[in-house]
Amino acid sequence: MLGAAATLELIGGALLVVGLFTRPVAFVMSGLMACAYFIAHAPRSFWPTSNGGDAAILFCFLFLYFVFAGPGPWSLDARKR
């Protein structure tokens, strides 16, 4: 499970940096961060600042924003259009 998460983060992060397949990749990455929070951080405490999961929640909602906002004008997705 750890290797799959690492692979998703490596490949998904690279795809988001160049802006290729932004919406589906951001959706998968948002789900990955939500699972990471609920598996690793939530059992420790309810509050994210107490359990160290504030970065996981931040990235989860940031990736969810990318799902709805889409790629920027300099992305490879914009060049394909």
N, C-alpha and C. Protein backbone atom coordinates (compact mmCIF):
# COMPACT_ATOMS: atom_id res chain seq x y z
N MET A 1 0.83 -1.19 0.00
CA MET A 1 0.00 0.00 0.00
C MET A 1 0.87 1.26 0.00
N LEU A 2 1.97 1.20 0.73
CA LEU A 2 2.87 2.34 0.79
C LEU A 2 3.53 2.62 -0.55
N GLY A 3 3.90 1.56 -1.25
CA GLY A 3 4.51 1.72 -2.57
C GLY A 3 3.54 2.30 -3.59
N ALA A 4 2.27 1.90 -3.51
CA ALA A 4 1.27 2.44 -4.42
C ALA A 4 1.05 3.93 -4.17
N ALA A 5 1.02 4.31 -2.90
CA ALA A 5 0.85 5.73 -2.56
C ALA A 5 2.06 6.54 -3.04
N ALA A 6 3.25 6.00 -2.86
CA ALA A 6 4.45 6.70 -3.29
C ALA A 6 4.48 6.85 -4.81
N THR A 7 4.07 5.82 -5.52
CA THR A 7 4.02 5.90 -6.98
C THR A 7 2.99 6.91 -7.44
N LEU A 8 1.82 6.90 -6.82
CA LEU A 8 0.79 7.88 -7.17
C LEU A 8 1.26 9.30 -6.90
N GLU A 9 1.93 9.51 -5.78
CA GLU A 9 2.42 10.85 -5.46
C GLU A 9 3.51 11.30 -6.42
N LEU A 10 4.39 10.39 -6.80
CA LEU A 10 5.47 10.75 -7.71
C LEU A 10 4.95 11.06 -9.10
N ILE A 11 4.17 10.16 -9.66
CA ILE A 11 3.67 10.35 -11.02
C ILE A 11 2.59 11.43 -11.05
N GLY A 12 1.69 11.41 -10.08
CA GLY A 12 0.63 12.42 -10.03
C GLY A 12 1.19 13.82 -9.83
N GLY A 13 2.19 13.94 -8.98
CA GLY A 13 2.82 15.24 -8.77
C GLY A 13 3.49 15.76 -10.03
N ALA A 14 4.17 14.88 -10.75
CA ALA A 14 4.82 15.29 -11.99
C ALA A 14 3.79 15.71 -13.04
N LEU A 15 2.69 14.97 -13.13
CA LEU A 15 1.65 15.34 -14.09
C LEU A 15 0.99 16.67 -13.73
N LEU A 16 0.80 16.94 -12.45
CA LEU A 16 0.22 18.21 -12.04
C LEU A 16 1.17 19.37 -12.28
N VAL A 17 2.46 19.14 -12.13
CA VAL A 17 3.43 20.22 -12.35
C VAL A 17 3.42 20.65 -13.82
N VAL A 18 3.37 19.69 -14.74
CA VAL A 18 3.36 20.06 -16.16
C VAL A 18 1.96 20.36 -16.67
N GLY A 19 0.93 20.01 -15.90
CA GLY A 19 -0.44 20.33 -16.28
C GLY A 19 -1.03 19.37 -17.29
N LEU A 20 -0.72 18.11 -17.17
CA LEU A 20 -1.25 17.10 -18.09
C LEU A 20 -2.26 16.24 -17.34
N PHE A 21 -3.46 16.08 -17.88
CA PHE A 21 -4.56 15.34 -17.24
C PHE A 21 -4.84 15.90 -15.85
N THR A 22 -4.94 17.20 -15.74
CA THR A 22 -5.00 17.88 -14.45
C THR A 22 -6.21 17.46 -13.63
N ARG A 23 -7.39 17.50 -14.21
CA ARG A 23 -8.60 17.21 -13.43
C ARG A 23 -8.66 15.78 -12.91
N PRO A 24 -8.46 14.75 -13.74
CA PRO A 24 -8.53 13.40 -13.18
C PRO A 24 -7.40 13.08 -12.20
N VAL A 25 -6.21 13.60 -12.47
CA VAL A 25 -5.09 13.35 -11.57
C VAL A 25 -5.32 14.05 -10.23
N ALA A 26 -5.84 15.27 -10.27
CA ALA A 26 -6.11 15.99 -9.03
C ALA A 26 -7.20 15.30 -8.23
N PHE A 27 -8.18 14.71 -8.90
CA PHE A 27 -9.23 13.97 -8.20
C PHE A 27 -8.66 12.75 -7.47
N VAL A 28 -7.79 12.01 -8.14
CA VAL A 28 -7.16 10.84 -7.52
C VAL A 28 -6.26 11.27 -6.37
N MET A 29 -5.51 12.34 -6.56
CA MET A 29 -4.61 12.81 -5.50
C MET A 29 -5.39 13.34 -4.30
N SER A 30 -6.54 13.96 -4.54
CA SER A 30 -7.37 14.41 -3.43
C SER A 30 -7.87 13.22 -2.61
N GLY A 31 -8.29 12.18 -3.29
CA GLY A 31 -8.71 10.97 -2.58
C GLY A 31 -7.58 10.31 -1.83
N LEU A 32 -6.40 10.33 -2.41
CA LEU A 32 -5.22 9.76 -1.74
C LEU A 32 -4.91 10.52 -0.46
N MET A 33 -4.98 11.83 -0.50
CA MET A 33 -4.70 12.63 0.70
C MET A 33 -5.79 12.45 1.75
N ALA A 34 -7.04 12.30 1.33
CA ALA A 34 -8.12 12.05 2.29
C ALA A 34 -7.91 10.70 2.98
N CYS A 35 -7.55 9.69 2.20
CA CYS A 35 -7.28 8.37 2.80
C CYS A 35 -6.08 8.42 3.72
N ALA A 36 -5.05 9.15 3.32
CA ALA A 36 -3.87 9.27 4.18
C ALA A 36 -4.22 9.92 5.50
N TYR A 37 -5.09 10.92 5.47
CA TYR A 37 -5.49 11.58 6.71
C TYR A 37 -6.27 10.63 7.59
N PHE A 38 -7.26 9.97 7.02
CA PHE A 38 -8.12 9.13 7.85
C PHE A 38 -7.44 7.85 8.32
N ILE A 39 -6.46 7.35 7.59
CA ILE A 39 -5.76 6.14 8.01
C ILE A 39 -4.65 6.47 9.03
N ALA A 40 -3.87 7.51 8.75
CA ALA A 40 -2.69 7.76 9.57
C ALA A 40 -2.89 8.79 10.67
N HIS A 41 -3.72 9.80 10.44
CA HIS A 41 -3.79 10.91 11.39
C HIS A 41 -5.03 10.92 12.25
N ALA A 42 -6.18 10.63 11.67
CA ALA A 42 -7.44 10.75 12.41
C ALA A 42 -7.54 9.85 13.64
N PRO A 43 -6.97 8.63 13.64
CA PRO A 43 -7.07 7.82 14.87
C PRO A 43 -6.36 8.43 16.08
N ARG A 44 -5.40 9.30 15.86
CA ARG A 44 -4.67 9.90 16.98
C ARG A 44 -5.50 10.93 17.73
N SER A 45 -6.20 11.78 16.99
CA SER A 45 -6.99 12.85 17.60
C SER A 45 -7.97 13.37 16.56
N PHE A 46 -9.01 14.06 17.01
CA PHE A 46 -10.00 14.60 16.09
C PHE A 46 -9.48 15.84 15.36
N TRP A 47 -8.73 16.68 16.05
CA TRP A 47 -8.30 17.96 15.50
C TRP A 47 -7.01 17.80 14.69
N PRO A 48 -6.97 18.35 13.47
CA PRO A 48 -5.79 18.21 12.62
C PRO A 48 -4.52 18.83 13.20
N THR A 49 -4.65 19.90 13.95
CA THR A 49 -3.44 20.51 14.52
C THR A 49 -2.86 19.65 15.64
N SER A 50 -3.68 18.83 16.27
CA SER A 50 -3.21 17.96 17.34
C SER A 50 -2.61 16.67 16.83
N ASN A 51 -3.13 16.17 15.69
CA ASN A 51 -2.66 14.88 15.19
C ASN A 51 -1.65 14.98 14.06
N GLY A 52 -1.26 16.18 13.66
CA GLY A 52 -0.25 16.35 12.62
C GLY A 52 -0.76 16.16 11.21
N GLY A 53 -2.06 16.20 11.02
CA GLY A 53 -2.62 15.95 9.70
C GLY A 53 -3.04 17.20 8.96
N ASP A 54 -2.57 18.36 9.41
CA ASP A 54 -2.98 19.60 8.76
C ASP A 54 -2.49 19.71 7.32
N ALA A 55 -1.31 19.20 7.03
CA ALA A 55 -0.80 19.22 5.65
C ALA A 55 -1.60 18.29 4.75
N ALA A 56 -1.99 17.14 5.25
CA ALA A 56 -2.78 16.21 4.45
C ALA A 56 -4.14 16.80 4.10
N ILE A 57 -4.76 17.47 5.04
CA ILE A 57 -6.05 18.11 4.76
C ILE A 57 -5.88 19.27 3.80
N LEU A 58 -4.81 20.05 3.97
CA LEU A 58 -4.54 21.16 3.08
C LEU A 58 -4.39 20.68 1.64
N PHE A 59 -3.58 19.64 1.43
CA PHE A 59 -3.38 19.12 0.09
C PHE A 59 -4.64 18.48 -0.47
N CYS A 60 -5.43 17.85 0.38
CA CYS A 60 -6.68 17.25 -0.07
C CYS A 60 -7.60 18.31 -0.67
N PHE A 61 -7.78 19.41 0.03
CA PHE A 61 -8.65 20.47 -0.47
C PHE A 61 -8.01 21.27 -1.60
N LEU A 62 -6.70 21.37 -1.62
CA LEU A 62 -6.03 22.04 -2.73
C LEU A 62 -6.20 21.24 -4.02
N PHE A 63 -6.04 19.92 -3.95
CA PHE A 63 -6.25 19.09 -5.12
C PHE A 63 -7.72 19.10 -5.55
N LEU A 64 -8.62 19.15 -4.59
CA LEU A 64 -10.04 19.24 -4.92
C LEU A 64 -10.35 20.56 -5.62
N TYR A 65 -9.67 21.62 -5.24
CA TYR A 65 -9.80 22.89 -5.95
C TYR A 65 -9.34 22.75 -7.40
N PHE A 66 -8.23 22.06 -7.62
CA PHE A 66 -7.73 21.85 -8.99
C PHE A 66 -8.71 21.05 -9.84
N VAL A 67 -9.48 20.17 -9.20
CA VAL A 67 -10.48 19.41 -9.95
C VAL A 67 -11.49 20.36 -10.57
N PHE A 68 -11.93 21.34 -9.82
CA PHE A 68 -12.96 22.26 -10.31
C PHE A 68 -12.39 23.44 -11.09
N ALA A 69 -11.21 23.90 -10.74
CA ALA A 69 -10.61 25.05 -11.43
C ALA A 69 -9.99 24.65 -12.76
N GLY A 70 -9.45 23.45 -12.84
CA GLY A 70 -8.84 22.99 -14.07
C GLY A 70 -7.41 23.50 -14.23
N PRO A 71 -6.83 23.19 -15.37
CA PRO A 71 -5.45 23.59 -15.61
C PRO A 71 -5.35 25.07 -15.96
N GLY A 72 -4.17 25.60 -15.82
CA GLY A 72 -3.93 27.00 -16.15
C GLY A 72 -3.63 27.19 -17.63
N PRO A 73 -3.42 28.43 -18.05
CA PRO A 73 -3.19 28.70 -19.47
C PRO A 73 -1.83 28.21 -19.98
N TRP A 74 -0.88 27.96 -19.11
CA TRP A 74 0.43 27.50 -19.53
C TRP A 74 0.60 25.99 -19.44
N SER A 75 -0.46 25.28 -19.16
CA SER A 75 -0.36 23.83 -18.96
C SER A 75 -0.34 23.10 -20.31
N LEU A 76 0.03 21.84 -20.27
CA LEU A 76 0.00 21.03 -21.48
C LEU A 76 -1.43 20.73 -21.91
N ASP A 77 -2.36 20.69 -20.96
CA ASP A 77 -3.77 20.52 -21.30
C ASP A 77 -4.27 21.69 -22.13
N ALA A 78 -3.83 22.90 -21.80
CA ALA A 78 -4.24 24.08 -22.58
C ALA A 78 -3.61 24.07 -23.96
N ARG A 79 -2.41 23.55 -24.07
CA ARG A 79 -1.75 23.48 -25.37
C ARG A 79 -2.42 22.45 -26.28
N LYS A 80 -3.01 21.39 -25.68
CA LYS A 80 -3.68 20.37 -26.50
C LYS A 80 -4.94 20.91 -27.15
N ARG A 81 -5.59 21.87 -26.48
CA ARG A 81 -6.84 22.42 -27.03
C ARG A 81 -6.60 23.32 -28.18
